[in-house]
Amino acid sequence: MRVVVTGASGNVGTALRRVLADAGDSVVGIARRIPAGSPDWVSCDLGAPAAEVVLTRAFTGADAVVHLAWAIQPARGEPDMRRTNITGSAHVLRAARRAGVPHVVVASSVGAYTPSSVPVDEEWPCGGVPGSAYSKQKAELERMLSGRPGIAVVRPCAVVQPDAGGEIARWVLSPLLPVGMVGRRWLPMPLWRGLRAQVVHAEDVARAIRVVLAHRAEGAFNVAADPPLSTRELASVFGGFLLPVPFAVLRAVAWPTWRLGVQPLHPGWLRLADQAALMDCTRMRALGWEPRHPPREALAEFVAAIAEGRGTWGPLAPCHVGRWRRLGFGRPAYQSQGDVR
């Protein structure tokens, strides 16, 4: 099977390339930054006006396209999120149609779902979580995909793997916190009671996508590992002990500290973490998929990688900019992560 993967240098993309290679599939990776001298890669900025032509050429003759590319917290000088996520996705879908690709798998997210107090299946509405740019754009992507034949939508929960430690640390940790402190027993974790989260290893998401490809399945599929992790479990993995703080207080502190550049986590991400639904993965399991990595173990390996400053190349490369240089008024504010103020 010849598979073309957009966002192949990212968290899920790197894992998917490994899984597809192990299965004997031919893989072409698409990313803005590609390894030098590699014939199995195509450089493409998905949101650029010429992207559709480049993509159509790359997709021609493919048995399937897997669309993973998504801008989450772009660094300075990188394209606008909507340009990549919405315009870029439209380019991918049109190019796949023009190239006659019979099967397209698109990565959405648990963030696309309307909040729910009970676990949801794939029929739950995808209205998104108010105040989260990530959630709002994933919900818009779902509307773009609705009713299209030959398309499967994979909706994972929070995805972790050791190779992504450096990238995700840049998204969530304050430059004031040395990464080596993460996971230490004496580190307090300020979290609100009632937080619960599903976590899945990137390799398990990649295996789920490979199963969907093998079955030529269409429609939506939730991908998560059980059981969900509680506030106390999350605190014990990321630090040493839970420091209970009301959600309203954390959200109130998040806005000015984000705007001042003290920490990179926009309050929209807190809103998404608080209201994201838990998912029922019965439909994915019916295809024969089961996660191999227990969520707590997967998260612990990921946290250890953050503390070690691990990463690979491209977007997953460790940050070489000194943490003090990343401080400063307005540094993270050029692309807002939500509409909360």
Protein backbone atom coordinates (compact mmCIF):
# COMPACT_ATOMS: atom_id res chain seq x y z
CA MET A 1 0.00 0.00 0.00
CA ARG A 2 1.30 3.46 -0.93
CA VAL A 3 0.33 6.01 1.70
CA VAL A 4 0.99 9.77 1.66
CA VAL A 5 1.03 11.38 5.11
CA THR A 6 0.71 15.12 5.70
CA GLY A 7 2.24 16.34 8.94
CA ALA A 8 4.58 13.35 8.83
CA SER A 9 7.21 15.10 10.99
CA GLY A 10 4.84 15.65 13.91
CA ASN A 11 3.89 13.69 17.01
CA VAL A 12 1.46 11.22 15.40
CA GLY A 13 3.15 11.47 11.98
CA THR A 14 6.51 10.13 13.17
CA ALA A 15 4.80 7.21 14.90
CA LEU A 16 2.65 6.47 11.85
CA ARG A 17 5.65 6.39 9.55
CA ARG A 18 7.25 3.77 11.81
CA VAL A 19 4.08 1.66 11.95
CA LEU A 20 3.49 1.80 8.20
CA ALA A 21 7.13 0.95 7.46
CA ASP A 22 6.93 -2.04 9.81
CA ALA A 23 3.83 -3.22 7.91
CA GLY A 24 5.74 -3.04 4.61
CA ASP A 25 3.83 -0.05 3.26
CA SER A 26 5.41 2.60 1.04
CA VAL A 27 5.25 5.98 2.78
CA VAL A 28 5.69 9.51 1.42
CA GLY A 29 5.87 12.21 4.08
CA ILE A 30 4.72 15.79 3.55
CA ALA A 31 5.86 18.64 5.81
CA ARG A 32 7.07 22.22 5.58
CA ARG A 33 10.53 21.16 6.81
CA ILE A 34 11.88 17.86 5.52
CA PRO A 35 15.12 15.88 5.97
CA ALA A 36 17.81 16.87 3.51
CA GLY A 37 18.38 14.46 0.64
CA SER A 38 15.44 12.14 1.39
CA PRO A 39 13.48 10.92 -1.66
CA ASP A 40 10.47 9.90 0.47
CA TRP A 41 9.54 13.43 1.48
CA VAL A 42 7.80 16.37 -0.18
CA SER A 43 8.12 19.91 1.15
CA CYS A 44 4.81 21.76 1.16
CA ASP A 45 3.23 24.62 3.08
CA LEU A 46 -0.38 23.40 3.03
CA GLY A 47 -1.87 26.86 3.35
CA ALA A 48 0.09 28.40 0.46
CA PRO A 49 -1.77 29.22 -2.79
CA ALA A 50 0.35 26.72 -4.76
CA ALA A 51 -0.15 23.89 -2.24
CA GLU A 52 -2.98 22.21 -4.10
CA VAL A 53 -0.81 21.69 -7.19
CA VAL A 54 2.07 20.26 -5.13
CA LEU A 55 -0.29 17.99 -3.19
CA THR A 56 -2.11 16.71 -6.27
CA ARG A 57 1.22 15.68 -7.76
CA ALA A 58 2.28 13.94 -4.51
CA PHE A 59 -1.09 12.18 -4.10
CA THR A 60 -1.30 10.81 -7.64
CA GLY A 61 -1.06 7.01 -7.55
CA ALA A 62 -1.52 6.79 -3.77
CA ASP A 63 -3.77 4.13 -2.26
CA ALA A 64 -4.54 6.41 0.67
CA VAL A 65 -3.81 9.83 2.14
CA VAL A 66 -3.56 10.41 5.89
CA HIS A 67 -4.01 14.06 6.81
CA LEU A 68 -2.36 14.81 10.16
CA ALA A 69 -0.94 18.31 9.64
CA TRP A 70 -2.25 20.79 12.19
CA ALA A 71 -0.83 23.99 13.66
CA ILE A 72 -1.32 24.00 17.44
CA GLN A 73 0.93 26.71 18.87
CA PRO A 74 2.98 28.09 15.96
CA ALA A 75 6.27 29.77 16.78
CA ARG A 76 7.09 33.26 15.62
CA GLY A 77 7.50 33.47 11.87
CA GLU A 78 5.29 30.43 11.21
CA PRO A 79 2.01 30.62 9.26
CA ASP A 80 -1.28 31.59 10.87
CA MET A 81 -3.15 28.70 12.49
CA ARG A 82 -6.30 29.09 10.43
CA ARG A 83 -4.28 29.31 7.22
CA THR A 84 -2.71 25.93 7.97
CA ASN A 85 -5.62 24.18 9.66
CA ILE A 86 -8.65 25.21 7.62
CA THR A 87 -7.29 26.49 4.32
CA GLY A 88 -4.61 23.78 4.34
CA SER A 89 -7.16 21.02 5.02
CA ALA A 90 -9.33 22.28 2.16
CA HIS A 91 -6.29 22.09 -0.13
CA VAL A 92 -5.61 18.50 0.98
CA LEU A 93 -9.20 17.37 0.36
CA ARG A 94 -9.40 19.00 -3.08
CA ALA A 95 -6.01 17.60 -4.08
CA ALA A 96 -7.01 14.09 -2.99
CA ARG A 97 -10.17 14.32 -5.06
CA ARG A 98 -8.30 15.62 -8.10
CA ALA A 99 -5.70 12.85 -7.77
CA GLY A 100 -8.39 10.17 -7.49
CA VAL A 101 -7.25 8.93 -4.05
CA PRO A 102 -9.78 6.24 -2.99
CA HIS A 103 -9.34 6.55 0.79
CA VAL A 104 -8.54 9.56 2.99
CA VAL A 105 -8.03 9.39 6.76
CA VAL A 106 -8.20 12.70 8.62
CA ALA A 107 -7.08 13.33 12.19
CA SER A 108 -9.62 15.26 14.23
CA SER A 109 -9.68 15.28 18.04
CA VAL A 110 -11.71 14.76 21.20
CA GLY A 111 -11.60 18.56 21.26
CA ALA A 112 -14.14 18.65 18.43
CA TYR A 113 -16.89 17.28 20.67
CA THR A 114 -19.47 19.37 22.48
CA PRO A 115 -18.82 19.01 26.25
CA SER A 116 -20.51 16.05 27.95
CA SER A 117 -20.75 14.73 31.50
CA VAL A 118 -20.79 11.11 30.29
CA PRO A 119 -18.52 9.21 27.85
CA VAL A 120 -19.50 9.84 24.23
CA ASP A 121 -19.50 7.75 21.08
CA GLU A 122 -18.94 8.96 17.54
CA GLU A 123 -22.54 10.18 17.16
CA TRP A 124 -22.11 12.90 19.79
CA PRO A 125 -22.30 16.42 18.28
CA CYS A 126 -19.04 18.08 17.25
CA GLY A 127 -19.79 21.60 18.41
CA GLY A 128 -16.45 22.18 20.11
CA VAL A 129 -15.60 23.79 23.45
CA PRO A 130 -16.26 27.55 23.65
CA GLY A 131 -13.14 29.61 24.26
CA SER A 132 -10.67 27.18 22.66
CA ALA A 133 -9.28 28.03 19.22
CA TYR A 134 -8.00 24.45 18.83
CA SER A 135 -11.45 23.02 19.58
CA LYS A 136 -13.26 25.57 17.41
CA GLN A 137 -11.09 24.77 14.38
CA LYS A 138 -11.36 21.00 14.87
CA ALA A 139 -15.15 21.37 14.94
CA GLU A 140 -14.96 23.43 11.74
CA LEU A 141 -12.84 20.69 10.15
CA GLU A 142 -15.51 18.14 11.08
CA ARG A 143 -18.17 20.24 9.31
CA MET A 144 -15.91 20.38 6.27
CA LEU A 145 -15.70 16.57 6.22
CA SER A 146 -19.38 15.87 6.84
CA GLY A 147 -21.03 13.79 4.14
CA ARG A 148 -17.90 13.25 2.04
CA PRO A 149 -17.50 9.67 0.73
CA GLY A 150 -14.28 7.71 1.09
CA ILE A 151 -13.21 9.52 4.27
CA ALA A 152 -12.46 8.22 7.76
CA VAL A 153 -12.08 10.56 10.73
CA VAL A 154 -9.90 9.53 13.66
CA ARG A 155 -10.56 11.39 16.94
CA PRO A 156 -7.80 10.77 19.49
CA CYS A 157 -7.56 12.10 23.03
CA ALA A 158 -4.30 13.65 24.32
CA VAL A 159 -1.45 11.97 22.41
CA VAL A 160 1.98 11.45 24.00
CA GLN A 161 5.27 9.74 23.16
CA PRO A 162 8.83 10.33 24.41
CA ASP A 163 9.95 11.85 21.09
CA ALA A 164 7.39 14.65 21.52
CA GLY A 165 8.66 15.69 24.96
CA GLY A 166 10.59 18.71 23.72
CA GLU A 167 7.76 20.04 21.54
CA ILE A 168 4.96 19.72 24.09
CA ALA A 169 7.17 21.12 26.86
CA ARG A 170 7.46 24.33 24.79
CA TRP A 171 3.67 24.47 24.58
CA VAL A 172 2.85 24.01 28.26
CA LEU A 173 5.83 24.83 30.52
CA SER A 174 6.90 28.24 31.71
CA PRO A 175 10.48 29.22 30.80
CA LEU A 176 10.88 29.89 34.53
CA LEU A 177 10.60 26.14 35.21
CA PRO A 178 13.72 24.13 34.30
CA VAL A 179 12.54 21.00 32.49
CA GLY A 180 14.71 18.85 34.77
CA MET A 181 12.32 19.63 37.62
CA VAL A 182 9.37 17.99 35.88
CA GLY A 183 8.38 14.71 37.53
CA ARG A 184 10.27 15.39 40.77
CA ARG A 185 8.47 14.19 43.89
CA TRP A 186 8.72 17.53 45.63
CA LEU A 187 7.25 19.55 42.72
CA PRO A 188 3.72 20.80 43.54
CA MET A 189 1.16 20.61 40.72
CA PRO A 190 -1.55 23.30 40.85
CA LEU A 191 -4.63 21.60 39.40
CA TRP A 192 -8.36 21.80 39.99
CA ARG A 193 -10.36 18.96 41.51
CA GLY A 194 -12.56 17.12 39.07
CA LEU A 195 -10.07 17.19 36.22
CA ARG A 196 -9.92 13.89 34.35
CA ALA A 197 -8.16 13.10 31.12
CA GLN A 198 -7.71 10.27 28.66
CA VAL A 199 -4.18 9.77 27.35
CA VAL A 200 -3.01 7.58 24.48
CA HIS A 201 0.45 6.74 23.16
CA ALA A 202 1.24 8.00 19.65
CA GLU A 203 2.12 4.46 18.56
CA ASP A 204 -1.38 3.28 19.52
CA VAL A 205 -2.94 6.11 17.49
CA ALA A 206 -0.72 5.14 14.55
CA ARG A 207 -1.80 1.51 14.87
CA ALA A 208 -5.44 2.60 14.92
CA ILE A 209 -4.92 4.55 11.69
CA ARG A 210 -3.22 1.52 10.11
CA VAL A 211 -6.23 -0.64 11.06
CA VAL A 212 -8.61 1.91 9.51
CA LEU A 213 -6.50 1.91 6.34
CA ALA A 214 -6.43 -1.88 6.18
CA HIS A 215 -10.23 -2.08 6.46
CA ARG A 216 -10.81 0.85 4.08
CA ALA A 217 -13.14 2.00 6.84
CA GLU A 218 -15.18 5.19 6.59
CA GLY A 219 -16.85 7.35 9.22
CA ALA A 220 -15.57 8.47 12.61
CA PHE A 221 -13.51 6.53 15.17
CA ASN A 222 -12.66 7.50 18.75
CA VAL A 223 -9.15 6.56 19.85
CA ALA A 224 -8.25 6.57 23.55
CA ALA A 225 -6.74 4.34 26.21
CA ASP A 226 -8.57 3.55 29.43
CA PRO A 227 -8.86 4.24 32.27
CA PRO A 228 -9.03 8.04 32.36
CA LEU A 229 -6.51 9.63 34.72
CA SER A 230 -7.75 11.61 37.70
CA THR A 231 -6.45 14.93 39.02
CA ARG A 232 -4.38 13.18 41.66
CA GLU A 233 -2.90 10.70 39.17
CA LEU A 234 -1.97 13.49 36.75
CA ALA A 235 -0.32 15.45 39.56
CA SER A 236 1.67 12.43 40.76
CA VAL A 237 3.08 11.80 37.27
CA PHE A 238 3.95 15.40 36.40
CA GLY A 239 5.16 16.31 39.88
CA GLY A 240 5.15 15.06 43.40
CA PHE A 241 1.90 16.14 44.93
CA LEU A 242 -1.38 17.82 44.12
CA LEU A 243 -1.84 21.47 45.05
CA PRO A 244 -5.61 21.97 44.71
CA VAL A 245 -6.51 25.32 43.13
CA PRO A 246 -10.03 26.28 42.00
CA PHE A 247 -10.42 26.29 38.24
CA ALA A 248 -11.62 29.89 38.23
CA VAL A 249 -8.43 31.00 39.99
CA LEU A 250 -6.14 29.16 37.57
CA ARG A 251 -8.01 30.58 34.61
CA ALA A 252 -7.83 34.09 36.03
CA VAL A 253 -4.07 33.78 36.53
CA ALA A 254 -3.49 32.19 33.12
CA TRP A 255 -4.55 35.20 31.05
CA PRO A 256 -2.15 37.88 32.39
CA THR A 257 0.77 35.45 32.75
CA TRP A 258 0.24 34.27 29.16
CA ARG A 259 0.01 37.83 27.90
CA LEU A 260 3.17 38.81 29.79
CA GLY A 261 5.09 35.86 28.37
CA VAL A 262 5.65 34.23 31.78
CA GLN A 263 4.07 30.97 30.61
CA PRO A 264 2.80 29.73 27.18
CA LEU A 265 -0.51 28.11 28.18
CA HIS A 266 -3.42 30.26 27.01
CA PRO A 267 -6.54 29.99 29.24
CA GLY A 268 -8.34 28.46 26.26
CA TRP A 269 -6.33 25.29 26.84
CA LEU A 270 -7.49 25.16 30.46
CA ARG A 271 -11.08 25.50 29.29
CA LEU A 272 -10.58 22.61 26.86
CA ALA A 273 -8.94 20.41 29.51
CA ASP A 274 -11.81 21.08 31.90
CA GLN A 275 -14.63 20.42 29.42
CA ALA A 276 -13.23 17.84 27.00
CA ALA A 277 -15.46 14.79 26.79
CA LEU A 278 -14.38 11.27 27.67
CA MET A 279 -14.68 8.89 24.72
CA ASP A 280 -16.14 5.44 24.19
CA CYS A 281 -13.92 3.53 21.73
CA THR A 282 -16.19 0.55 21.07
CA ARG A 283 -16.32 1.25 17.33
CA MET A 284 -12.53 1.32 16.98
CA ARG A 285 -12.17 -1.87 19.03
CA ALA A 286 -14.70 -3.60 16.76
CA LEU A 287 -12.07 -3.37 14.00
CA GLY A 288 -9.64 -5.37 16.17
CA TRP A 289 -7.67 -2.49 17.69
CA GLU A 290 -6.57 -2.37 21.31
CA PRO A 291 -4.08 0.08 22.89
CA ARG A 292 -0.83 -1.57 23.97
CA HIS A 293 0.37 1.22 26.28
CA PRO A 294 -1.42 1.78 29.62
CA PRO A 295 -2.16 5.52 29.90
CA ARG A 296 -0.30 6.13 33.15
CA GLU A 297 2.82 4.35 31.88
CA ALA A 298 2.66 6.23 28.56
CA LEU A 299 2.37 9.54 30.39
CA ALA A 300 5.22 8.68 32.78
CA GLU A 301 7.56 7.85 29.87
CA PHE A 302 6.57 11.12 28.22
CA VAL A 303 7.21 13.15 31.39
CA ALA A 304 10.63 11.50 31.80
CA ALA A 305 11.45 12.54 28.21
CA ILE A 306 10.49 16.14 29.01
CA ALA A 307 12.83 16.14 32.00
CA GLU A 308 15.64 14.76 29.83
CA GLY A 309 15.06 17.32 27.05
CA ARG A 310 14.48 14.58 24.48
CA GLY A 311 13.32 15.12 20.91
CA THR A 312 14.14 14.21 17.33
CA TRP A 313 14.16 16.73 14.46
CA GLY A 314 11.86 19.29 12.88
CA PRO A 315 8.92 20.24 15.11
CA LEU A 316 9.89 17.56 17.66
CA ALA A 317 13.43 18.88 18.10
CA PRO A 318 14.39 20.11 21.59
CA CYS A 319 14.35 23.87 22.04
CA HIS A 320 17.86 25.33 21.82
CA VAL A 321 16.76 28.87 22.70
CA GLY A 322 17.66 29.76 26.27
CA ARG A 323 14.68 29.82 28.59
CA TRP A 324 15.38 33.39 29.69
CA ARG A 325 15.26 34.56 26.07
CA ARG A 326 11.77 33.08 25.77
CA LEU A 327 10.44 35.42 28.46
CA GLY A 328 9.05 38.81 27.58
CA PHE A 329 5.88 40.84 27.19
CA GLY A 330 3.58 39.60 24.47
CA ARG A 331 5.86 36.84 23.21
CA PRO A 332 3.19 34.13 23.09
CA ALA A 333 0.32 36.48 22.21
CA TYR A 334 0.73 36.88 18.46
CA GLN A 335 -1.57 33.89 17.78
CA SER A 336 -4.30 33.59 20.38
CA GLN A 337 -5.45 30.14 21.47
CA GLY A 338 -9.01 31.21 22.23
CA ASP A 339 -11.40 34.06 22.71
CA VAL A 340 -11.27 34.23 26.53
CA ARG A 341 -9.95 37.45 27.97
